[in-house]
């Protein structure tokens, strides 16, 4: 039994085959998808959390103690990271030609297969480091720093199928996806 799930993006049609439990989608990333990934990656690390906490403490203490230099330094710590991540996402997107081409993603019992143009690579489920979610995307880490970004808006109606495939094959401690 084969079912087609039209997605929000008319080019992104997910194919689901019940007999093989396979889902295929096509996604095309944007700078905002990359920015979302950078935010999630930065603010889930200890250094990102500490920089924000120290910045907020500096802003609050600097304001109430009227210690303006601390207020300014705290504000810089809080505002600097998101701005740098936005600039970095736009630069990466502009300077990497491969980012402008769509990715074909296939989720099956073997793992996650990523295809673009003439190249293709399959990551076995055991090789996947973790899967997480943000409000905008599902992120499947294939190394500690590299990941495949699946924008929720492009997965459309296939999103539950994608999440189901990931959840069926990843150990619970590696799966941090929230629907």
N, C-alpha and C. Protein backbone atom coordinates (compact mmCIF):
# COMPACT_ATOMS: atom_id res chain seq x y z
N UNK A 1 0.84 -1.18 0.00
CA UNK A 1 0.00 0.00 0.00
C UNK A 1 0.88 1.24 0.00
N UNK A 2 0.73 2.07 -0.96
CA UNK A 2 1.51 3.30 -1.07
C UNK A 2 0.57 4.47 -0.92
N UNK A 3 0.96 5.45 -0.10
CA UNK A 3 0.14 6.64 0.08
C UNK A 3 0.98 7.87 -0.20
N UNK A 4 0.37 8.86 -0.77
CA UNK A 4 1.03 10.14 -1.00
C UNK A 4 0.49 11.15 -0.01
N UNK A 5 1.37 11.91 0.57
CA UNK A 5 0.96 12.95 1.50
C UNK A 5 1.39 14.29 0.92
N UNK A 6 0.47 15.07 0.39
CA UNK A 6 0.87 16.38 -0.12
C UNK A 6 1.32 17.26 1.04
N UNK A 7 2.41 17.93 0.87
CA UNK A 7 2.94 18.80 1.91
C UNK A 7 2.56 20.25 1.60
N UNK A 8 2.88 21.14 2.52
CA UNK A 8 2.60 22.55 2.32
C UNK A 8 3.37 23.05 1.10
N UNK A 9 4.61 22.63 0.96
CA UNK A 9 5.42 22.97 -0.20
C UNK A 9 4.98 22.05 -1.34
N UNK A 10 4.46 22.57 -2.45
CA UNK A 10 3.96 21.71 -3.51
C UNK A 10 5.02 20.79 -4.10
N UNK A 11 6.30 21.16 -4.01
CA UNK A 11 7.35 20.28 -4.51
C UNK A 11 7.70 19.19 -3.51
N UNK A 12 7.34 19.37 -2.25
CA UNK A 12 7.68 18.41 -1.22
C UNK A 12 6.51 17.44 -1.04
N UNK A 13 6.58 16.35 -1.73
CA UNK A 13 5.55 15.33 -1.60
C UNK A 13 6.18 14.15 -0.90
N UNK A 14 5.58 13.73 0.17
CA UNK A 14 6.11 12.59 0.91
C UNK A 14 5.48 11.32 0.37
N UNK A 15 6.30 10.31 0.23
CA UNK A 15 5.82 9.01 -0.21
C UNK A 15 5.96 8.07 0.97
N UNK A 16 4.88 7.42 1.34
CA UNK A 16 4.89 6.49 2.46
C UNK A 16 4.47 5.13 1.96
N UNK A 17 5.30 4.14 2.18
CA UNK A 17 4.99 2.78 1.78
C UNK A 17 4.81 1.94 3.03
N UNK A 18 3.63 1.44 3.25
CA UNK A 18 3.31 0.66 4.45
C UNK A 18 4.14 -0.62 4.51
N UNK A 19 4.33 -1.28 3.37
CA UNK A 19 5.04 -2.56 3.36
C UNK A 19 6.48 -2.41 3.82
N UNK A 20 7.12 -1.30 3.51
CA UNK A 20 8.53 -1.13 3.87
C UNK A 20 8.75 -0.06 4.93
N UNK A 21 7.69 0.56 5.40
CA UNK A 21 7.83 1.64 6.39
C UNK A 21 8.87 2.66 5.93
N UNK A 22 8.67 3.22 4.77
CA UNK A 22 9.60 4.16 4.17
C UNK A 22 8.89 5.48 3.93
N UNK A 23 9.57 6.56 4.26
CA UNK A 23 9.04 7.89 4.00
C UNK A 23 10.10 8.66 3.23
N UNK A 24 9.71 9.31 2.15
CA UNK A 24 10.61 10.17 1.38
C UNK A 24 10.02 11.56 1.31
N UNK A 25 10.86 12.56 1.55
CA UNK A 25 10.43 13.95 1.41
C UNK A 25 11.54 14.73 0.71
N UNK A 26 11.18 15.84 0.15
CA UNK A 26 12.14 16.75 -0.45
C UNK A 26 12.01 18.09 0.26
N UNK A 27 13.14 18.62 0.69
CA UNK A 27 13.13 19.91 1.39
C UNK A 27 14.16 20.84 0.77
N UNK A 28 13.87 22.11 0.81
CA UNK A 28 14.81 23.14 0.37
C UNK A 28 14.97 24.12 1.52
N UNK A 29 16.17 24.21 2.02
CA UNK A 29 16.43 25.05 3.19
C UNK A 29 16.48 26.52 2.82
N UNK A 30 16.21 27.35 3.81
CA UNK A 30 16.31 28.80 3.66
C UNK A 30 17.25 29.32 4.75
N UNK A 31 17.70 30.55 4.64
CA UNK A 31 18.55 31.11 5.70
C UNK A 31 17.87 31.07 7.07
N UNK A 32 16.55 31.25 7.11
CA UNK A 32 15.86 31.22 8.41
C UNK A 32 15.85 29.81 9.01
N UNK A 33 15.85 28.77 8.18
CA UNK A 33 15.95 27.39 8.69
C UNK A 33 17.32 27.16 9.30
N UNK A 34 18.34 27.68 8.64
CA UNK A 34 19.70 27.57 9.15
C UNK A 34 19.88 28.38 10.44
N UNK A 35 19.26 29.55 10.51
CA UNK A 35 19.30 30.38 11.72
C UNK A 35 18.62 29.66 12.89
N UNK A 36 17.49 29.02 12.62
CA UNK A 36 16.79 28.25 13.65
C UNK A 36 17.69 27.14 14.20
N UNK A 37 18.39 26.44 13.31
CA UNK A 37 19.32 25.39 13.72
C UNK A 37 20.45 25.99 14.58
N UNK A 38 21.03 27.10 14.11
CA UNK A 38 22.12 27.73 14.85
C UNK A 38 21.68 28.16 16.25
N UNK A 39 20.48 28.73 16.36
CA UNK A 39 19.95 29.13 17.67
C UNK A 39 19.82 27.92 18.59
N UNK A 40 19.21 26.86 18.08
CA UNK A 40 19.00 25.65 18.89
C UNK A 40 20.33 25.06 19.33
N UNK A 41 21.26 25.01 18.40
CA UNK A 41 22.56 24.41 18.69
C UNK A 41 23.33 25.26 19.72
N UNK A 42 23.30 26.58 19.57
CA UNK A 42 24.05 27.45 20.48
C UNK A 42 23.44 27.51 21.87
N UNK A 43 22.13 27.66 21.94
CA UNK A 43 21.49 27.84 23.24
C UNK A 43 21.21 26.54 23.98
N UNK A 44 21.55 25.42 23.38
CA UNK A 44 21.41 24.16 24.12
C UNK A 44 22.75 23.73 24.72
N UNK A 45 23.79 24.52 24.47
CA UNK A 45 25.10 24.21 25.04
C UNK A 45 25.29 24.99 26.34
N UNK A 46 26.18 24.51 27.17
CA UNK A 46 26.45 25.16 28.46
C UNK A 46 26.95 26.58 28.27
N UNK A 47 27.81 26.79 27.29
CA UNK A 47 28.35 28.13 27.08
C UNK A 47 27.27 29.12 26.65
N UNK A 48 26.33 28.68 25.82
CA UNK A 48 25.23 29.55 25.39
C UNK A 48 24.31 29.91 26.53
N UNK A 49 24.02 28.94 27.37
CA UNK A 49 23.15 29.18 28.52
C UNK A 49 23.84 30.11 29.53
N UNK A 50 25.12 29.86 29.80
CA UNK A 50 25.86 30.69 30.76
C UNK A 50 26.01 32.13 30.26
N UNK A 51 26.31 32.31 28.98
CA UNK A 51 26.47 33.66 28.44
C UNK A 51 25.17 34.44 28.58
N UNK A 52 24.05 33.79 28.30
CA UNK A 52 22.75 34.46 28.43
C UNK A 52 22.44 34.78 29.89
N UNK A 53 22.70 33.81 30.78
CA UNK A 53 22.43 34.02 32.21
C UNK A 53 23.30 35.15 32.77
N UNK A 54 24.58 35.15 32.43
CA UNK A 54 25.48 36.21 32.90
C UNK A 54 25.04 37.56 32.33
N UNK A 55 24.65 37.57 31.07
CA UNK A 55 24.18 38.81 30.45
C UNK A 55 22.94 39.35 31.12
N UNK A 56 21.98 38.46 31.40
CA UNK A 56 20.75 38.90 32.07
C UNK A 56 21.02 39.41 33.48
N UNK A 57 21.88 38.72 34.21
CA UNK A 57 22.25 39.18 35.56
C UNK A 57 22.91 40.55 35.46
N UNK A 58 23.80 40.72 34.48
CA UNK A 58 24.46 42.01 34.30
C UNK A 58 23.47 43.12 33.99
N UNK A 59 22.49 42.84 33.13
CA UNK A 59 21.49 43.85 32.79
C UNK A 59 20.66 44.22 34.03
N UNK A 60 20.18 43.22 34.74
CA UNK A 60 19.33 43.47 35.91
C UNK A 60 20.10 44.20 37.01
N UNK A 61 21.28 43.67 37.35
CA UNK A 61 22.08 44.29 38.41
C UNK A 61 22.53 45.69 37.99
N UNK A 62 22.98 45.82 36.75
CA UNK A 62 23.43 47.12 36.26
C UNK A 62 22.33 48.15 36.28
N UNK A 63 21.10 47.75 35.98
CA UNK A 63 19.97 48.67 35.97
C UNK A 63 19.63 49.13 37.39
N UNK A 64 19.50 48.16 38.32
CA UNK A 64 19.10 48.51 39.68
C UNK A 64 20.21 49.20 40.47
N UNK A 65 21.46 48.85 40.21
CA UNK A 65 22.58 49.46 40.93
C UNK A 65 23.08 50.72 40.22
N UNK A 66 22.48 51.02 39.07
CA UNK A 66 22.88 52.16 38.25
C UNK A 66 24.37 52.09 37.90
N UNK A 67 24.80 50.87 37.64
CA UNK A 67 26.16 50.59 37.22
C UNK A 67 26.09 50.35 35.72
N UNK A 68 26.17 51.44 34.95
CA UNK A 68 25.82 51.44 33.54
C UNK A 68 26.74 50.59 32.68
N UNK A 69 28.00 50.50 33.04
CA UNK A 69 28.91 49.68 32.23
C UNK A 69 28.51 48.21 32.30
N UNK A 70 28.07 47.77 33.47
CA UNK A 70 27.60 46.39 33.62
C UNK A 70 26.32 46.17 32.81
N UNK A 71 25.46 47.17 32.80
CA UNK A 71 24.23 47.10 32.01
C UNK A 71 24.55 46.95 30.52
N UNK A 72 25.51 47.73 30.04
CA UNK A 72 25.89 47.69 28.63
C UNK A 72 26.54 46.34 28.28
N UNK A 73 27.46 45.88 29.12
CA UNK A 73 28.13 44.60 28.87
C UNK A 73 27.10 43.46 28.89
N UNK A 74 26.19 43.50 29.84
CA UNK A 74 25.14 42.48 29.92
C UNK A 74 24.26 42.48 28.69
N UNK A 75 23.89 43.67 28.23
CA UNK A 75 23.05 43.78 27.04
C UNK A 75 23.78 43.25 25.81
N UNK A 76 25.07 43.53 25.72
CA UNK A 76 25.86 43.02 24.60
C UNK A 76 25.87 41.49 24.62
N UNK A 77 26.06 40.91 25.80
CA UNK A 77 26.08 39.44 25.91
C UNK A 77 24.74 38.83 25.47
N UNK A 78 23.65 39.47 25.81
CA UNK A 78 22.33 38.94 25.48
C UNK A 78 22.00 39.12 24.00
N UNK A 79 22.38 40.24 23.42
CA UNK A 79 21.99 40.58 22.05
C UNK A 79 23.01 40.08 21.02
N UNK A 80 24.26 39.98 21.39
CA UNK A 80 25.33 39.65 20.46
C UNK A 80 25.13 38.29 19.78
N UNK A 81 24.89 37.25 20.55
CA UNK A 81 24.80 35.90 20.00
C UNK A 81 23.72 35.76 18.92
N UNK A 82 22.48 36.18 19.15
CA UNK A 82 21.48 36.02 18.09
C UNK A 82 21.83 36.78 16.81
N UNK A 83 22.43 37.96 16.96
CA UNK A 83 22.79 38.75 15.78
C UNK A 83 23.91 38.05 15.00
N UNK A 84 24.92 37.57 15.71
CA UNK A 84 26.02 36.87 15.05
C UNK A 84 25.51 35.60 14.36
N UNK A 85 24.61 34.88 15.01
CA UNK A 85 24.06 33.65 14.41
C UNK A 85 23.24 33.96 13.15
N UNK A 86 22.52 35.06 13.16
CA UNK A 86 21.75 35.46 11.98
C UNK A 86 22.69 35.81 10.82
N UNK A 87 23.72 36.57 11.10
CA UNK A 87 24.69 36.94 10.06
C UNK A 87 25.38 35.68 9.54
N UNK A 88 25.76 34.79 10.45
CA UNK A 88 26.44 33.55 10.06
C UNK A 88 25.54 32.68 9.18
N UNK A 89 24.27 32.58 9.52
CA UNK A 89 23.34 31.79 8.72
C UNK A 89 23.19 32.37 7.32
N UNK A 90 23.06 33.67 7.22
CA UNK A 90 22.94 34.31 5.90
C UNK A 90 24.21 34.16 5.08
N UNK A 91 25.37 34.29 5.72
CA UNK A 91 26.64 34.13 5.01
C UNK A 91 26.82 32.69 4.53
N UNK A 92 26.55 31.74 5.40
CA UNK A 92 26.69 30.34 5.03
C UNK A 92 25.79 30.00 3.86
N UNK A 93 24.56 30.47 3.92
CA UNK A 93 23.62 30.20 2.83
C UNK A 93 24.09 30.84 1.53
N UNK A 94 24.58 32.06 1.60
CA UNK A 94 25.03 32.76 0.40
C UNK A 94 26.29 32.16 -0.20
N UNK A 95 27.20 31.66 0.64
CA UNK A 95 28.49 31.18 0.17
C UNK A 95 28.54 29.68 -0.12
N UNK A 96 27.47 28.97 0.18
CA UNK A 96 27.45 27.53 -0.04
C UNK A 96 26.43 27.20 -1.12
N UNK A 97 26.88 26.95 -2.34
CA UNK A 97 25.94 26.68 -3.44
C UNK A 97 25.02 25.48 -3.17
N UNK A 98 25.52 24.47 -2.47
CA UNK A 98 24.71 23.28 -2.20
C UNK A 98 23.49 23.59 -1.35
N UNK A 99 23.55 24.66 -0.56
CA UNK A 99 22.41 25.03 0.29
C UNK A 99 21.20 25.45 -0.53
N UNK A 100 21.43 25.89 -1.74
CA UNK A 100 20.33 26.40 -2.57
C UNK A 100 19.59 25.28 -3.31
N UNK A 101 20.14 24.06 -3.28
CA UNK A 101 19.51 22.94 -3.97
C UNK A 101 18.71 22.09 -2.99
N UNK A 102 17.60 21.51 -3.45
CA UNK A 102 16.78 20.70 -2.55
C UNK A 102 17.48 19.40 -2.13
N UNK A 103 17.12 18.94 -0.96
CA UNK A 103 17.59 17.66 -0.44
C UNK A 103 16.45 16.65 -0.52
N UNK A 104 16.76 15.45 -0.91
CA UNK A 104 15.78 14.36 -0.85
C UNK A 104 16.16 13.51 0.35
N UNK A 105 15.21 13.35 1.24
CA UNK A 105 15.45 12.60 2.47
C UNK A 105 14.58 11.34 2.45
N UNK A 106 15.20 10.22 2.78
CA UNK A 106 14.48 8.96 2.82
C UNK A 106 14.70 8.33 4.20
N UNK A 107 13.61 8.04 4.87
CA UNK A 107 13.64 7.41 6.19
C UNK A 107 13.10 6.00 6.02
N UNK A 108 13.91 4.98 6.36
CA UNK A 108 13.44 3.60 6.26
C UNK A 108 14.13 2.76 7.33
N UNK A 109 13.99 1.45 7.25
CA UNK A 109 14.57 0.56 8.25
C UNK A 109 16.10 0.61 8.26
N UNK A 110 16.70 0.96 7.13
CA UNK A 110 18.16 1.03 7.03
C UNK A 110 18.72 2.26 7.73
N UNK A 111 18.01 3.38 7.63
CA UNK A 111 18.49 4.62 8.22
C UNK A 111 17.96 5.83 7.48
N UNK A 112 18.73 6.89 7.52
CA UNK A 112 18.39 8.14 6.86
C UNK A 112 19.29 8.30 5.64
N UNK A 113 18.68 8.38 4.45
CA UNK A 113 19.43 8.59 3.22
C UNK A 113 19.21 10.02 2.76
N UNK A 114 20.32 10.72 2.54
CA UNK A 114 20.28 12.11 2.10
C UNK A 114 20.84 12.15 0.69
N UNK A 115 20.04 12.66 -0.24
CA UNK A 115 20.48 12.75 -1.64
C UNK A 115 20.36 14.19 -2.11
N UNK A 116 21.35 14.58 -2.91
CA UNK A 116 21.32 15.91 -3.52
C UNK A 116 22.09 15.80 -4.83
N UNK A 117 21.42 16.18 -5.89
CA UNK A 117 22.00 16.09 -7.24
C UNK A 117 22.47 14.65 -7.48
N UNK A 118 23.75 14.46 -7.72
CA UNK A 118 24.27 13.13 -8.04
C UNK A 118 24.79 12.37 -6.81
N UNK A 119 24.90 13.03 -5.68
CA UNK A 119 25.47 12.37 -4.50
C UNK A 119 24.38 11.90 -3.54
N UNK A 120 24.73 10.84 -2.81
CA UNK A 120 23.79 10.26 -1.85
C UNK A 120 24.59 9.58 -0.74
N UNK A 121 24.08 9.69 0.48
CA UNK A 121 24.73 9.02 1.62
C UNK A 121 23.65 8.51 2.58
N UNK A 122 23.86 7.30 3.07
CA UNK A 122 22.95 6.72 4.05
C UNK A 122 23.63 6.66 5.40
N UNK A 123 22.96 7.21 6.40
CA UNK A 123 23.40 7.09 7.79
C UNK A 123 22.56 6.01 8.45
N UNK A 124 23.20 4.97 8.93
CA UNK A 124 22.47 3.93 9.65
C UNK A 124 21.95 4.53 10.95
N UNK A 125 20.84 4.00 11.43
CA UNK A 125 20.23 4.55 12.64
C UNK A 125 21.21 4.53 13.82
N UNK A 126 22.11 3.55 13.86
CA UNK A 126 23.09 3.48 14.95
C UNK A 126 24.08 4.64 14.88
N UNK A 127 24.27 5.21 13.68
CA UNK A 127 25.21 6.32 13.50
C UNK A 127 24.60 7.67 13.88
N UNK A 128 23.29 7.74 13.92
CA UNK A 128 22.63 9.01 14.25
C UNK A 128 22.89 9.34 15.72
N UNK A 129 23.39 10.55 15.98
CA UNK A 129 23.76 10.96 17.33
C UNK A 129 22.51 11.27 18.15
N UNK A 130 21.60 12.07 17.56
CA UNK A 130 20.35 12.41 18.25
C UNK A 130 19.41 13.09 17.29
N UNK A 131 18.16 13.19 17.70
CA UNK A 131 17.15 13.93 16.94
C UNK A 131 16.45 14.86 17.93
N UNK A 132 16.31 16.12 17.55
CA UNK A 132 15.68 17.12 18.41
C UNK A 132 14.67 17.91 17.57
N UNK A 133 13.90 18.73 18.25
CA UNK A 133 12.93 19.55 17.52
C UNK A 133 12.94 20.97 18.05
N UNK A 134 12.53 21.86 17.17
CA UNK A 134 12.29 23.25 17.54
C UNK A 134 10.87 23.55 17.07
N UNK A 135 10.41 24.73 17.28
CA UNK A 135 9.08 25.09 16.78
C UNK A 135 9.02 25.10 15.27
N UNK A 136 10.16 25.28 14.62
CA UNK A 136 10.20 25.39 13.15
C UNK A 136 10.68 24.14 12.44
N UNK A 137 11.43 23.26 13.14
CA UNK A 137 12.03 22.15 12.41
C UNK A 137 12.32 20.94 13.29
N UNK A 138 12.60 19.83 12.58
CA UNK A 138 13.12 18.62 13.19
C UNK A 138 14.59 18.58 12.78
N UNK A 139 15.47 18.30 13.72
CA UNK A 139 16.90 18.30 13.44
C UNK A 139 17.46 16.93 13.79
N UNK A 140 18.07 16.27 12.80
CA UNK A 140 18.66 14.95 13.00
C UNK A 140 20.17 15.11 12.92
N UNK A 141 20.84 14.97 14.08
CA UNK A 141 22.30 15.11 14.14
C UNK A 141 22.96 13.82 13.68
N UNK A 142 23.85 13.95 12.70
CA UNK A 142 24.61 12.81 12.21
C UNK A 142 26.03 12.80 12.79
N UNK A 143 26.46 13.92 13.34
CA UNK A 143 27.67 14.03 14.17
C UNK A 143 27.31 15.02 15.27
N UNK A 144 28.27 15.30 16.14
CA UNK A 144 27.98 16.24 17.23
C UNK A 144 27.63 17.63 16.71
N UNK A 145 28.18 18.02 15.55
CA UNK A 145 27.99 19.37 15.03
C UNK A 145 27.24 19.44 13.71
N UNK A 146 27.10 18.32 13.00
CA UNK A 146 26.43 18.32 11.70
C UNK A 146 25.05 17.68 11.81
N UNK A 147 24.12 18.26 11.08
CA UNK A 147 22.76 17.76 11.20
C UNK A 147 22.00 17.96 9.89
N UNK A 148 20.92 17.23 9.78
CA UNK A 148 19.98 17.41 8.69
C UNK A 148 18.78 18.15 9.25
N UNK A 149 18.42 19.24 8.61
CA UNK A 149 17.32 20.09 9.08
C UNK A 149 16.09 19.77 8.24
N UNK A 150 14.99 19.49 8.91
CA UNK A 150 13.73 19.21 8.23
C UNK A 150 12.73 20.29 8.66
N UNK A 151 12.54 21.31 7.83
CA UNK A 151 11.58 22.36 8.20
C UNK A 151 10.17 21.79 8.30
N UNK A 152 9.50 22.06 9.40
CA UNK A 152 8.14 21.56 9.60
C UNK A 152 7.21 22.02 8.48
N UNK A 153 7.40 23.26 8.02
CA UNK A 153 6.51 23.81 7.00
C UNK A 153 6.63 23.04 5.68
N UNK A 154 7.79 22.47 5.41
CA UNK A 154 7.96 21.74 4.17
C UNK A 154 7.59 20.27 4.28
N UNK A 155 7.66 19.73 5.48
CA UNK A 155 7.27 18.32 5.65
C UNK A 155 5.75 18.20 5.60
N UNK A 156 5.06 19.26 6.01
CA UNK A 156 3.60 19.28 5.92
C UNK A 156 2.93 18.09 6.58
N UNK A 157 2.03 17.45 5.85
CA UNK A 157 1.27 16.33 6.38
C UNK A 157 2.13 15.08 6.58
N UNK A 158 3.33 15.07 6.00
CA UNK A 158 4.23 13.93 6.17
C UNK A 158 4.99 13.99 7.48
N UNK A 159 4.92 15.12 8.19
CA UNK A 159 5.68 15.30 9.42
C UNK A 159 5.43 14.19 10.45
N UNK A 160 4.18 13.81 10.72
CA UNK A 160 3.96 12.71 11.67
C UNK A 160 4.60 11.39 11.21
N UNK A 161 4.63 11.16 9.91
CA UNK A 161 5.26 9.95 9.39
C UNK A 161 6.77 9.99 9.59
N UNK A 162 7.37 11.15 9.36
CA UNK A 162 8.81 11.31 9.56
C UNK A 162 9.15 11.11 11.03
N UNK A 163 8.40 11.76 11.91
CA UNK A 163 8.64 11.62 13.36
C UNK A 163 8.46 10.17 13.79
N UNK A 164 7.45 9.51 13.24
CA UNK A 164 7.20 8.11 13.57
C UNK A 164 8.37 7.22 13.15
N UNK A 165 8.91 7.45 11.96
CA UNK A 165 10.06 6.66 11.48
C UNK A 165 11.27 6.88 12.36
N UNK A 166 11.53 8.14 12.70
CA UNK A 166 12.68 8.44 13.56
C UNK A 166 12.49 7.80 14.93
N UNK A 167 11.31 7.95 15.50
CA UNK A 167 11.04 7.41 16.83
C UNK A 167 11.10 5.88 16.86
N UNK A 168 10.71 5.25 15.77
CA UNK A 168 10.72 3.78 15.71
C UNK A 168 12.13 3.21 15.68
N UNK A 169 13.09 4.00 15.20
CA UNK A 169 14.43 3.47 15.02
C UNK A 169 15.50 4.03 15.95
N UNK A 170 15.23 5.14 16.59
CA UNK A 170 16.22 5.71 17.51
C UNK A 170 15.94 5.27 18.94
N UNK A 171 17.00 5.08 19.70
CA UNK A 171 16.85 4.80 21.12
C UNK A 171 16.18 5.99 21.78
N UNK A 172 15.34 5.76 22.80
CA UNK A 172 14.66 6.89 23.45
C UNK A 172 15.59 7.98 23.96
N UNK A 173 16.78 7.63 24.44
CA UNK A 173 17.69 8.66 24.96
C UNK A 173 18.25 9.55 23.85
N UNK A 174 18.20 9.09 22.60
CA UNK A 174 18.67 9.89 21.46
C UNK A 174 17.55 10.71 20.83
N UNK A 175 16.31 10.38 21.15
CA UNK A 175 15.17 11.01 20.51
C UNK A 175 14.57 12.07 21.43
N UNK A 176 14.78 13.32 21.10
CA UNK A 176 14.28 14.45 21.88
C UNK A 176 13.27 15.26 21.07
N UNK A 177 12.53 14.59 20.20
CA UNK A 177 11.56 15.28 19.35
C UNK A 177 10.25 15.44 20.11
N UNK A 178 9.73 16.66 20.06
CA UNK A 178 8.41 16.94 20.62
C UNK A 178 7.50 17.30 19.44
N UNK A 179 6.38 16.67 19.37
CA UNK A 179 5.45 16.94 18.25
C UNK A 179 4.95 18.29 18.30
